[in-house]
Amino acid sequence: MILHQQLSAVPLAAGGAGAHRPLIITLFAVFVAATLGLTVWAGRQTKGAEDFYAGGRQFSGFQNGLAISGDYMSAASFLGIAGAIALFGYDGFLYSIGFLVAWLVALLLVAEPLRNSGRFTMGDVLAYRMRQRPVRTAAGTSTIVVSIFYLLAQMAGAGALVTLLLGITSEAGKVLVVVLVGIVMILYVTIGGMKGTTWVQMIKAVLLIAGTLLITFLVALKFHFNISSLLGAAAENSGKGAAFLEPGLKYGATATSKIDFISLGLALVLGTAGLPHILIRFYTVPTAKAARKSVNWAIGIIGVFYLMTIALGFGAAALIKPADIEKPGNTAAPQLAEVIGGGAGSTGGAVLLALISAVAFATILAVVAGLTLASSSSFAHDIYVNVLRKGEATEKEEVGAARWATVGIGAVAIVLGVFARGLNVAGLVALAFAVAASANLPTLLYSLFWKRFTTQGALWSIYGGLASSVLLVLFSPVVSGKETSMFPGAHFAVFPLENPGLISIPLGFLLGWLGSLLSKEEPDAQKYAELEVRSLTGTGAH
């Protein structure tokens, strides 16, 4: 009656994939070599700062939409959400809904005005009508912190994926994997800049959609294209019964978990419009119209992908025993690929596992390249050129500073990624969304749409939102107090929620408003009028 009884999965272990490991490693190596080759080619086309930061503004709306999709559909989307659905059913799918709805905020409020108002970074927009040095320092700091939070998720996903493929069980081996991923990431950005990163993101988006379509089709075929049978099998195999398909399995057992869900939803919906690696993508197109088109394309592509996460997550829940899905669930999608391809030890299973894992790895590399580029660009353009050098640096010096910043930020991400490798990547990304929505979004919106906004308001908003969100995360169950925490043996989780958005996002908006009201600085009405015209019409845009 239920197909999962005939398809009980074997856990993916060293022995399961061992016979086909040479094939898996070969496919993996071919992909990494090909994308690195593409990056070297793009690096040769990079002549100056505009090429390095914005790809020469040569990409069309469709190309940029594809690249945005590649940037956005991260390890959290592919690995984390599939794992969250496989473990928590309906509540896991809430990540997909939040990530998708967030694009409406980006489209309606941010994409076009940002493209018209800035040049390379978020700091350009803020500095247009504020005092340059303090605002650019704050914007650069915020960009780097948000990017590092997001990078943690990608490093955790990469570690889980590669150790699974190579059958690595030792802790030293897992640490080495994270280090190697970080080194490849640094190479992508330092060599290719925005052009190389964009092409990798476009290719990765096509591969990810194709791979997900293939798995979705095979899962649907197993269940005769009957979604009711799929959900029924998932509920039964999960051991949770009907509760697996209803709200409340993860967020609903206690009052705290319900509040945590509201906090998560707020962070997911508002976070996208403040993510630095998404914001800089709007500068790679020649016009504001193309920026708008690119977001429309991104919404369509991402929407199709998130619908398919239903098949990935519930397919894994239906076809793999819950005990065999390694917590925190980051390997559920590759495990499903192996099972749906014929099971552990089969050639079909090994080939599909290798292909899906290569796609997942491409996902991680493309996103970490975008994140590292965003943070190194902000350091070089905002802090190095406009604060430390007071605008006197040459383009060559600026690009050189960006490349060195890439190495430094990559090193920090590697160190933190070693500690974060046991956490669910979707949860980690939700933290990055919360920090972005708390520090960046209030400042951007106030700057674009509120005449009374001042430099003090911007600083209070950025630093207040940043400090409150990061501190709340440090003292939350994400870092200590639970088996799934970053430091499970420690106990200093005095803040009960896993996501700080409910507190830190309103605080970021409140501090921006309060700082402006209490400021002795008189807002520059003429500068605001210029920014308003520029943001709405594109007059004077780069």
Protein backbone atom coordinates (compact mmCIF):
# COMPACT_ATOMS: atom_id res chain seq x y z
CA MET A 1 0.00 0.00 0.00
CA ILE A 2 2.68 2.51 1.01
CA LEU A 3 5.73 2.48 -1.23
CA HIS A 4 8.21 3.44 1.44
CA GLN A 5 7.88 -0.07 2.89
CA GLN A 6 9.48 -1.40 -0.29
CA LEU A 7 12.06 1.38 -0.41
CA SER A 8 13.50 1.52 3.09
CA ALA A 9 16.76 3.35 2.84
CA VAL A 10 20.20 2.22 3.81
CA PRO A 11 22.15 4.90 5.65
CA LEU A 12 24.73 6.61 3.52
CA ALA A 13 28.07 5.65 4.99
CA ALA A 14 31.56 5.01 3.89
CA GLY A 15 30.72 1.48 2.87
CA GLY A 16 27.60 2.43 0.90
CA ALA A 17 29.37 4.76 -1.45
CA GLY A 18 32.84 3.26 -1.08
CA ALA A 19 32.77 1.06 -4.16
CA HIS A 20 31.92 4.03 -6.35
CA ARG A 21 34.00 6.63 -4.56
CA PRO A 22 36.48 7.07 -7.48
CA LEU A 23 33.52 7.94 -9.76
CA ILE A 24 32.12 10.36 -7.18
CA ILE A 25 35.45 12.09 -6.64
CA THR A 26 36.09 12.32 -10.41
CA LEU A 27 32.73 13.99 -11.13
CA PHE A 28 33.30 16.32 -8.21
CA ALA A 29 36.83 17.26 -9.34
CA VAL A 30 35.72 17.86 -12.94
CA PHE A 31 33.10 20.34 -11.79
CA VAL A 32 35.43 22.25 -9.46
CA ALA A 33 38.15 22.39 -12.15
CA ALA A 34 35.67 23.64 -14.77
CA THR A 35 34.35 26.45 -12.57
CA LEU A 36 37.86 27.47 -11.52
CA GLY A 37 38.79 27.61 -15.23
CA LEU A 38 35.80 29.87 -15.86
CA THR A 39 36.90 32.08 -12.96
CA VAL A 40 40.42 32.41 -14.41
CA TRP A 41 38.93 33.38 -17.80
CA ALA A 42 36.68 36.01 -16.16
CA GLY A 43 39.65 37.29 -14.14
CA ARG A 44 41.45 38.16 -17.38
CA GLN A 45 38.48 40.34 -18.39
CA THR A 46 38.61 42.27 -15.10
CA LYS A 47 40.37 45.58 -15.79
CA GLY A 48 39.34 47.97 -13.01
CA ALA A 49 37.16 48.62 -9.97
CA GLU A 50 33.89 48.65 -11.94
CA ASP A 51 34.71 45.23 -13.44
CA PHE A 52 35.78 43.79 -10.07
CA TYR A 53 32.79 45.12 -8.09
CA ALA A 54 29.97 45.25 -10.67
CA GLY A 55 31.09 43.05 -13.57
CA GLY A 56 31.31 46.12 -15.80
CA ARG A 57 27.48 46.52 -15.47
CA GLN A 58 27.19 44.35 -18.60
CA PHE A 59 24.67 41.72 -17.46
CA SER A 60 21.08 41.67 -18.72
CA GLY A 61 18.01 41.46 -16.48
CA PHE A 62 17.62 37.73 -17.22
CA GLN A 63 21.31 36.99 -16.63
CA ASN A 64 21.28 38.92 -13.36
CA GLY A 65 18.01 37.25 -12.32
CA LEU A 66 19.64 33.89 -12.91
CA ALA A 67 22.73 34.99 -10.93
CA ILE A 68 20.57 36.35 -8.08
CA SER A 69 18.81 32.96 -7.98
CA GLY A 70 22.19 31.26 -7.87
CA ASP A 71 23.27 33.59 -5.07
CA TYR A 72 20.04 33.16 -3.09
CA MET A 73 19.42 29.42 -3.44
CA SER A 74 22.16 28.61 -0.97
CA ALA A 75 23.11 25.58 1.08
CA ALA A 76 20.24 26.61 3.37
CA SER A 77 17.78 26.25 0.49
CA PHE A 78 19.04 23.00 -0.95
CA LEU A 79 20.47 21.15 2.05
CA GLY A 80 18.99 22.89 5.09
CA ILE A 81 15.35 23.12 4.02
CA ALA A 82 15.29 19.55 2.69
CA GLY A 83 16.69 18.40 6.05
CA ALA A 84 14.29 20.57 8.06
CA ILE A 85 11.27 19.18 6.16
CA ALA A 86 12.57 15.60 6.46
CA LEU A 87 12.89 15.99 10.26
CA PHE A 88 9.98 18.36 11.09
CA GLY A 89 7.53 18.08 8.19
CA TYR A 90 5.22 21.08 7.81
CA ASP A 91 7.28 23.29 10.13
CA GLY A 92 10.39 22.70 8.01
CA PHE A 93 8.59 23.96 4.89
CA LEU A 94 8.02 27.32 6.61
CA TYR A 95 11.61 28.25 5.68
CA SER A 96 10.71 27.94 1.97
CA ILE A 97 7.69 30.21 2.39
CA GLY A 98 9.64 32.85 4.32
CA PHE A 99 12.57 32.90 1.89
CA LEU A 100 10.21 33.34 -1.10
CA VAL A 101 7.87 35.99 0.36
CA ALA A 102 10.94 38.05 1.30
CA TRP A 103 11.52 38.87 -2.37
CA LEU A 104 8.38 41.02 -2.47
CA VAL A 105 9.99 43.39 0.05
CA ALA A 106 13.19 43.50 -2.02
CA LEU A 107 11.26 44.12 -5.26
CA LEU A 108 8.83 46.75 -3.97
CA LEU A 109 11.10 48.76 -1.67
CA VAL A 110 14.78 48.26 -2.42
CA ALA A 111 15.85 46.98 -5.86
CA GLU A 112 15.23 49.99 -8.12
CA PRO A 113 16.02 52.85 -5.66
CA LEU A 114 19.24 51.09 -4.62
CA ARG A 115 20.39 50.60 -8.23
CA ASN A 116 19.71 54.28 -8.96
CA SER A 117 21.29 55.69 -5.79
CA GLY A 118 24.52 53.77 -5.28
CA ARG A 119 27.63 52.80 -7.17
CA PHE A 120 29.16 49.64 -5.70
CA THR A 121 27.98 49.14 -2.08
CA MET A 122 25.20 49.89 0.42
CA GLY A 123 27.53 52.50 1.96
CA ASP A 124 27.29 54.57 -1.26
CA VAL A 125 23.54 55.04 -0.70
CA LEU A 126 23.88 55.97 2.96
CA ALA A 127 26.82 58.33 2.40
CA TYR A 128 24.95 60.33 -0.26
CA ARG A 129 23.19 62.53 2.32
CA MET A 130 25.11 61.68 5.54
CA ARG A 131 28.63 62.33 6.84
CA GLN A 132 30.83 60.01 4.79
CA ARG A 133 33.39 58.56 7.17
CA PRO A 134 31.25 57.42 10.15
CA VAL A 135 28.43 56.10 7.94
CA ARG A 136 30.74 54.19 5.58
CA THR A 137 32.59 52.67 8.56
CA ALA A 138 29.27 51.49 10.02
CA ALA A 139 28.01 50.14 6.67
CA GLY A 140 31.29 48.29 6.06
CA THR A 141 31.25 46.78 9.55
CA SER A 142 27.65 45.64 9.20
CA THR A 143 28.24 44.14 5.75
CA ILE A 144 31.21 42.12 6.98
CA VAL A 145 29.37 40.80 10.08
CA VAL A 146 26.25 39.78 8.12
CA SER A 147 28.37 38.12 5.43
CA ILE A 148 30.34 36.14 8.01
CA PHE A 149 27.11 34.88 9.63
CA TYR A 150 25.89 33.75 6.22
CA LEU A 151 29.26 32.23 5.38
CA LEU A 152 29.02 30.03 8.49
CA ALA A 153 26.00 28.29 7.01
CA GLN A 154 27.73 27.61 3.71
CA MET A 155 30.86 26.26 5.43
CA ALA A 156 28.72 23.98 7.61
CA GLY A 157 26.92 22.70 4.50
CA ALA A 158 30.17 22.14 2.61
CA GLY A 159 31.69 20.27 5.53
CA ALA A 160 28.68 17.96 5.86
CA LEU A 161 28.53 17.31 2.12
CA VAL A 162 32.17 16.58 1.37
CA THR A 163 32.74 14.43 4.48
CA LEU A 164 29.67 12.42 3.47
CA LEU A 165 30.98 11.89 -0.06
CA LEU A 166 34.52 11.01 0.93
CA GLY A 167 33.51 8.84 3.86
CA ILE A 168 35.49 10.99 6.31
CA THR A 169 34.65 10.20 9.92
CA SER A 170 37.53 11.77 11.86
CA GLU A 171 37.13 15.25 13.31
CA ALA A 172 40.51 16.30 11.88
CA GLY A 173 39.34 15.28 8.40
CA LYS A 174 36.13 17.29 8.75
CA VAL A 175 38.11 20.35 9.83
CA LEU A 176 40.43 19.93 6.82
CA VAL A 177 37.41 19.86 4.48
CA VAL A 178 36.16 23.21 5.82
CA VAL A 179 39.65 24.70 5.35
CA LEU A 180 39.89 23.45 1.74
CA VAL A 181 36.43 24.83 0.89
CA GLY A 182 37.51 28.19 2.30
CA ILE A 183 40.66 28.21 0.15
CA VAL A 184 38.69 27.47 -3.05
CA MET A 185 36.25 30.24 -2.13
CA ILE A 186 39.09 32.75 -1.72
CA LEU A 187 40.49 31.76 -5.13
CA TYR A 188 37.11 32.31 -6.84
CA VAL A 189 36.84 35.91 -5.64
CA THR A 190 40.47 37.06 -5.78
CA ILE A 191 40.89 35.76 -9.34
CA GLY A 192 37.45 36.29 -10.91
CA GLY A 193 35.90 39.28 -9.15
CA MET A 194 32.22 39.98 -9.92
CA LYS A 195 32.42 38.69 -13.50
CA GLY A 196 33.72 35.28 -12.49
CA THR A 197 31.37 35.09 -9.51
CA THR A 198 28.34 36.00 -11.67
CA TRP A 199 29.08 33.37 -14.32
CA VAL A 200 29.59 30.70 -11.64
CA GLN A 201 26.26 31.74 -10.05
CA MET A 202 24.42 31.52 -13.37
CA ILE A 203 25.79 28.06 -14.18
CA LYS A 204 25.10 26.91 -10.64
CA ALA A 205 21.47 28.13 -10.82
CA VAL A 206 20.86 26.14 -14.02
CA LEU A 207 22.51 23.03 -12.54
CA LEU A 208 20.59 23.35 -9.27
CA ILE A 209 17.21 23.71 -10.97
CA ALA A 210 18.02 20.79 -13.33
CA GLY A 211 19.21 18.56 -10.48
CA THR A 212 16.22 19.41 -8.30
CA LEU A 213 13.84 18.81 -11.22
CA LEU A 214 15.40 15.38 -11.78
CA ILE A 215 15.02 14.37 -8.11
CA THR A 216 11.48 15.79 -8.00
CA PHE A 217 10.53 13.81 -11.11
CA LEU A 218 12.01 10.56 -9.74
CA VAL A 219 10.29 11.02 -6.36
CA ALA A 220 6.98 11.78 -8.11
CA LEU A 221 7.47 8.70 -10.32
CA LYS A 222 7.99 6.48 -7.25
CA PHE A 223 4.64 7.65 -5.92
CA HIS A 224 2.85 7.59 -9.31
CA PHE A 225 2.67 11.40 -9.31
CA ASN A 226 0.29 11.27 -6.35
CA ILE A 227 1.30 13.89 -3.79
CA SER A 228 -1.17 12.48 -1.27
CA SER A 229 0.66 9.13 -1.35
CA LEU A 230 3.98 10.93 -0.89
CA LEU A 231 2.76 12.90 2.13
CA GLY A 232 1.09 9.82 3.62
CA ALA A 233 4.30 7.80 3.27
CA ALA A 234 6.33 10.63 4.80
CA ALA A 235 3.96 10.93 7.78
CA GLU A 236 3.98 7.17 8.40
CA ASN A 237 7.71 6.68 7.97
CA SER A 238 8.54 9.66 10.18
CA GLY A 239 6.98 7.94 13.19
CA LYS A 240 5.04 11.14 13.96
CA GLY A 241 1.86 10.26 12.08
CA ALA A 242 -0.56 13.04 11.13
CA ALA A 243 1.34 15.52 13.34
CA PHE A 244 4.16 15.46 10.74
CA LEU A 245 1.87 17.20 8.23
CA GLU A 246 0.46 19.74 10.67
CA PRO A 247 1.90 22.92 12.22
CA GLY A 248 3.57 22.65 15.60
CA LEU A 249 6.07 19.78 15.44
CA LYS A 250 9.02 22.17 15.81
CA TYR A 251 7.30 25.49 16.51
CA GLY A 252 4.28 24.94 18.70
CA ALA A 253 5.07 22.58 21.53
CA THR A 254 5.64 25.47 23.96
CA ALA A 255 4.84 29.19 24.16
CA THR A 256 8.56 29.93 23.63
CA SER A 257 8.69 27.91 20.40
CA LYS A 258 5.60 29.73 19.07
CA ILE A 259 7.23 33.09 19.75
CA ASP A 260 10.43 31.75 18.15
CA PHE A 261 8.43 30.98 15.01
CA ILE A 262 7.16 34.58 14.82
CA SER A 263 10.72 35.80 15.30
CA LEU A 264 11.97 33.48 12.54
CA GLY A 265 9.22 34.57 10.14
CA LEU A 266 9.97 38.25 10.72
CA ALA A 267 13.70 37.67 10.08
CA LEU A 268 13.10 35.66 6.90
CA VAL A 269 10.62 38.09 5.33
CA LEU A 270 12.59 41.28 6.11
CA GLY A 271 16.15 39.93 5.89
CA THR A 272 16.55 39.51 2.11
CA ALA A 273 16.27 43.26 1.43
CA GLY A 274 19.25 43.85 3.76
CA LEU A 275 21.58 41.05 2.61
CA PRO A 276 24.80 42.61 1.24
CA HIS A 277 25.53 39.90 -1.34
CA ILE A 278 22.02 40.33 -2.79
CA LEU A 279 22.16 44.15 -2.71
CA ILE A 280 25.39 44.35 -4.72
CA ARG A 281 23.83 42.26 -7.50
CA PHE A 282 21.59 45.21 -8.41
CA TYR A 283 24.71 47.17 -9.46
CA THR A 284 25.72 44.64 -12.15
CA VAL A 285 22.95 45.68 -14.59
CA PRO A 286 23.08 48.78 -16.81
CA THR A 287 19.71 50.32 -15.82
CA ALA A 288 17.11 50.38 -13.03
CA LYS A 289 14.64 48.74 -15.43
CA ALA A 290 17.04 45.81 -15.79
CA ALA A 291 17.33 45.65 -11.97
CA ARG A 292 13.54 45.37 -11.73
CA LYS A 293 13.47 42.71 -14.46
CA SER A 294 16.21 40.73 -12.71
CA VAL A 295 14.16 40.58 -9.50
CA ASN A 296 11.07 39.42 -11.45
CA TRP A 297 13.13 36.62 -13.05
CA ALA A 298 14.62 35.73 -9.67
CA ILE A 299 11.18 35.47 -8.04
CA GLY A 300 9.98 33.10 -10.79
CA ILE A 301 13.06 30.86 -10.70
CA ILE A 302 13.27 30.79 -6.90
CA GLY A 303 9.51 30.16 -6.60
CA VAL A 304 9.73 27.06 -8.80
CA PHE A 305 12.71 25.81 -6.80
CA TYR A 306 11.00 26.23 -3.41
CA LEU A 307 7.95 24.33 -4.63
CA MET A 308 10.28 21.44 -5.46
CA THR A 309 11.70 21.43 -1.92
CA ILE A 310 8.41 19.71 -1.00
CA ALA A 311 9.53 16.69 -3.04
CA LEU A 312 13.07 16.83 -1.62
CA GLY A 313 12.05 17.08 2.03
CA PHE A 314 8.97 14.86 2.11
CA GLY A 315 10.66 12.43 -0.31
CA ALA A 316 13.55 12.04 2.15
CA ALA A 317 11.06 11.63 5.01
CA ALA A 318 9.17 8.94 3.07
CA LEU A 319 12.11 6.93 1.74
CA ILE A 320 14.75 7.19 4.48
CA LYS A 321 14.39 5.94 8.02
CA PRO A 322 14.40 8.89 10.47
CA ALA A 323 17.34 7.38 12.37
CA ASP A 324 19.38 7.36 9.15
CA ILE A 325 18.91 11.06 8.42
CA GLU A 326 21.96 12.51 10.08
CA LYS A 327 20.99 15.39 12.35
CA PRO A 328 20.83 18.35 11.84
CA GLY A 329 19.56 17.12 8.45
CA ASN A 330 22.10 18.74 6.13
CA THR A 331 22.67 15.50 4.19
CA ALA A 332 19.01 14.57 3.59
CA ALA A 333 19.00 15.72 -0.09
CA PRO A 334 22.15 13.75 -1.10
CA GLN A 335 20.89 10.73 0.85
CA LEU A 336 17.59 10.94 -1.05
CA ALA A 337 19.50 11.14 -4.35
CA GLU A 338 21.35 7.92 -3.55
CA VAL A 339 18.17 6.09 -2.51
CA ILE A 340 16.11 7.28 -5.48
CA GLY A 341 18.93 6.32 -7.87
CA GLY A 342 18.91 2.69 -6.76
CA GLY A 343 20.18 2.63 -3.20
CA ALA A 344 23.54 2.35 -1.48
CA GLY A 345 26.10 0.35 -3.46
CA SER A 346 24.29 0.70 -6.81
CA THR A 347 25.86 2.49 -9.78
CA GLY A 348 22.72 4.57 -10.33
CA GLY A 349 22.70 5.61 -6.69
CA ALA A 350 26.38 6.54 -6.78
CA VAL A 351 26.07 8.56 -10.00
CA LEU A 352 23.00 10.46 -8.76
CA LEU A 353 24.64 11.03 -5.39
CA ALA A 354 27.74 12.41 -7.11
CA LEU A 355 25.73 14.67 -9.43
CA ILE A 356 23.50 16.09 -6.70
CA SER A 357 26.45 16.53 -4.37
CA ALA A 358 28.40 18.34 -7.09
CA VAL A 359 25.40 20.62 -7.62
CA ALA A 360 25.16 21.23 -3.86
CA PHE A 361 28.87 21.98 -3.73
CA ALA A 362 28.45 24.37 -6.68
CA THR A 363 25.66 26.01 -4.70
CA ILE A 364 27.96 26.52 -1.74
CA LEU A 365 30.91 27.81 -3.78
CA ALA A 366 28.76 30.28 -5.74
CA VAL A 367 27.15 31.68 -2.60
CA VAL A 368 30.37 31.94 -0.59
CA ALA A 369 31.99 33.71 -3.54
CA GLY A 370 29.14 36.25 -3.60
CA LEU A 371 29.28 36.76 0.16
CA THR A 372 33.04 37.16 0.25
CA LEU A 373 32.90 39.58 -2.68
CA ALA A 374 30.23 41.68 -0.92
CA SER A 375 32.20 41.96 2.31
CA SER A 376 35.61 42.53 0.68
CA SER A 377 34.08 45.15 -1.66
CA SER A 378 32.57 47.00 1.28
CA PHE A 379 35.86 46.92 3.18
CA ALA A 380 37.89 48.15 0.21
CA HIS A 381 35.42 50.70 -1.18
CA ASP A 382 33.86 52.04 2.04
CA ILE A 383 36.53 51.63 4.72
CA TYR A 384 39.88 51.54 2.87
CA VAL A 385 39.26 54.09 0.11
CA ASN A 386 36.75 56.51 1.64
CA VAL A 387 37.68 56.32 5.35
CA LEU A 388 41.35 55.36 5.64
CA ARG A 389 42.58 56.92 2.36
CA LYS A 390 39.93 59.72 2.29
CA GLY A 391 39.12 59.02 -1.36
CA GLU A 392 42.74 59.31 -2.55
CA ALA A 393 43.39 55.66 -3.52
CA THR A 394 43.82 54.60 -7.14
CA GLU A 395 41.59 51.93 -8.72
CA LYS A 396 44.51 49.49 -8.68
CA GLU A 397 45.06 50.06 -4.96
CA GLU A 398 41.32 49.67 -4.31
CA VAL A 399 41.06 46.34 -6.12
CA GLY A 400 44.25 45.16 -4.38
CA ALA A 401 42.73 46.04 -0.99
CA ALA A 402 39.57 44.11 -1.93
CA ARG A 403 41.62 41.03 -2.79
CA TRP A 404 43.54 41.16 0.49
CA ALA A 405 40.26 41.68 2.35
CA THR A 406 38.95 38.53 0.66
CA VAL A 407 41.82 36.54 2.16
CA GLY A 408 41.20 37.97 5.65
CA ILE A 409 37.43 37.44 5.60
CA GLY A 410 37.90 33.95 4.17
CA ALA A 411 40.26 33.09 7.03
CA VAL A 412 37.71 34.27 9.64
CA ALA A 413 34.96 32.26 7.92
CA ILE A 414 37.13 29.13 7.94
CA VAL A 415 37.85 29.40 11.68
CA LEU A 416 34.19 30.01 12.61
CA GLY A 417 33.00 27.39 10.09
CA VAL A 418 34.97 24.72 11.96
CA PHE A 419 32.83 25.37 15.06
CA ALA A 420 29.53 25.67 13.14
CA ARG A 421 29.77 22.45 11.15
CA GLY A 422 27.29 20.60 13.42
CA LEU A 423 24.44 23.11 13.03
CA ASN A 424 21.51 23.04 10.56
CA VAL A 425 22.38 25.40 7.72
CA ALA A 426 18.84 26.74 7.30
CA GLY A 427 18.85 27.83 10.94
CA LEU A 428 22.25 29.50 10.54
CA VAL A 429 21.10 31.43 7.48
CA ALA A 430 18.01 32.58 9.39
CA LEU A 431 20.40 34.20 11.89
CA ALA A 432 22.14 36.08 9.06
CA PHE A 433 18.72 37.26 7.86
CA ALA A 434 17.93 38.53 11.37
CA VAL A 435 21.19 40.49 11.59
CA ALA A 436 20.66 41.97 8.09
CA ALA A 437 17.07 42.96 8.87
CA SER A 438 18.10 44.52 12.19
CA ALA A 439 21.15 46.53 11.05
CA ASN A 440 20.88 47.17 7.29
CA LEU A 441 17.20 47.31 6.35
CA PRO A 442 16.08 50.10 8.77
CA THR A 443 19.00 52.31 7.73
CA LEU A 444 18.39 51.75 4.00
CA LEU A 445 14.65 52.45 4.20
CA TYR A 446 15.05 55.52 6.39
CA SER A 447 17.78 56.87 4.12
CA LEU A 448 15.71 56.42 0.97
CA PHE A 449 12.29 57.44 2.27
CA TRP A 450 12.58 59.67 5.40
CA LYS A 451 13.58 63.33 5.06
CA ARG A 452 14.45 63.77 8.79
CA PHE A 453 16.95 60.88 8.90
CA THR A 454 20.42 61.94 10.12
CA THR A 455 23.93 60.55 10.44
CA GLN A 456 23.35 59.88 14.16
CA GLY A 457 20.16 57.98 13.33
CA ALA A 458 22.06 55.87 10.79
CA LEU A 459 24.82 55.04 13.28
CA TRP A 460 22.37 54.19 16.08
CA SER A 461 20.34 52.01 13.74
CA ILE A 462 23.29 50.10 12.26
CA TYR A 463 25.33 49.61 15.42
CA GLY A 464 22.26 49.12 17.65
CA GLY A 465 20.65 46.56 15.34
CA LEU A 466 23.97 44.82 14.80
CA ALA A 467 24.98 44.68 18.48
CA SER A 468 21.55 43.60 19.74
CA SER A 469 21.12 40.81 17.17
CA VAL A 470 24.66 39.44 17.58
CA LEU A 471 24.52 39.58 21.40
CA LEU A 472 21.13 37.85 21.50
CA VAL A 473 22.48 35.10 19.22
CA LEU A 474 25.55 34.64 21.45
CA PHE A 475 23.32 34.13 24.49
CA SER A 476 20.76 31.97 22.69
CA PRO A 477 20.35 28.16 22.44
CA VAL A 478 22.08 28.33 19.02
CA VAL A 479 25.44 28.80 20.77
CA SER A 480 25.00 26.90 24.06
CA GLY A 481 22.64 24.90 26.22
CA LYS A 482 21.40 22.21 23.78
CA GLU A 483 22.74 19.10 22.07
CA THR A 484 22.46 20.88 18.72
CA SER A 485 24.22 24.06 19.92
CA MET A 486 27.59 25.27 18.63
CA PHE A 487 29.04 24.59 22.11
CA PRO A 488 26.77 21.85 23.55
CA GLY A 489 28.82 21.49 26.74
CA ALA A 490 28.43 25.15 27.76
CA HIS A 491 25.35 26.71 29.39
CA PHE A 492 24.94 30.48 29.04
CA ALA A 493 21.75 30.63 26.92
CA VAL A 494 19.93 33.31 28.94
CA PHE A 495 17.94 34.43 25.85
CA PRO A 496 15.33 31.70 25.16
CA LEU A 497 14.69 32.27 21.43
CA GLU A 498 16.82 30.74 18.68
CA ASN A 499 16.23 33.72 16.37
CA PRO A 500 16.62 37.30 17.67
CA GLY A 501 14.52 38.99 14.97
CA LEU A 502 11.47 39.72 17.12
CA ILE A 503 13.56 41.91 19.46
CA SER A 504 16.43 43.21 17.32
CA ILE A 505 14.51 44.21 14.14
CA PRO A 506 12.03 46.60 15.86
CA LEU A 507 14.97 47.86 17.95
CA GLY A 508 16.94 48.72 14.79
CA PHE A 509 14.01 50.77 13.44
CA LEU A 510 13.37 52.40 16.85
CA LEU A 511 17.02 53.42 17.31
CA GLY A 512 17.18 54.93 13.81
CA TRP A 513 14.08 57.02 14.54
CA LEU A 514 15.19 57.99 18.06
CA GLY A 515 18.77 58.82 17.02
CA SER A 516 17.49 61.15 14.29
CA LEU A 517 15.04 62.91 16.60
CA LEU A 518 17.71 63.48 19.28
CA SER A 519 20.38 64.55 16.78
CA LYS A 520 21.61 68.15 16.80
CA GLU A 521 22.47 67.81 13.11
CA GLU A 522 20.04 69.49 10.73
CA PRO A 523 19.05 67.12 7.88
CA ASP A 524 20.14 68.35 4.44
CA ALA A 525 16.80 68.89 2.65
CA GLN A 526 18.45 69.58 -0.70
CA LYS A 527 20.50 66.37 -0.57
CA TYR A 528 17.38 64.38 0.33
CA ALA A 529 15.48 65.93 -2.60
CA GLU A 530 18.36 65.03 -4.95
CA LEU A 531 18.46 61.45 -3.59
CA GLU A 532 14.68 61.13 -3.93
CA VAL A 533 14.71 62.21 -7.57
CA ARG A 534 17.71 60.04 -8.32
CA SER A 535 16.31 56.93 -6.58
CA LEU A 536 12.92 57.21 -8.33
CA THR A 537 14.01 58.28 -11.82
CA GLY A 538 17.61 57.10 -12.20
CA THR A 539 18.84 60.59 -13.10
CA GLY A 540 22.58 60.68 -12.49
CA ALA A 541 22.82 56.95 -11.75
CA HIS A 542 26.11 55.24 -12.62
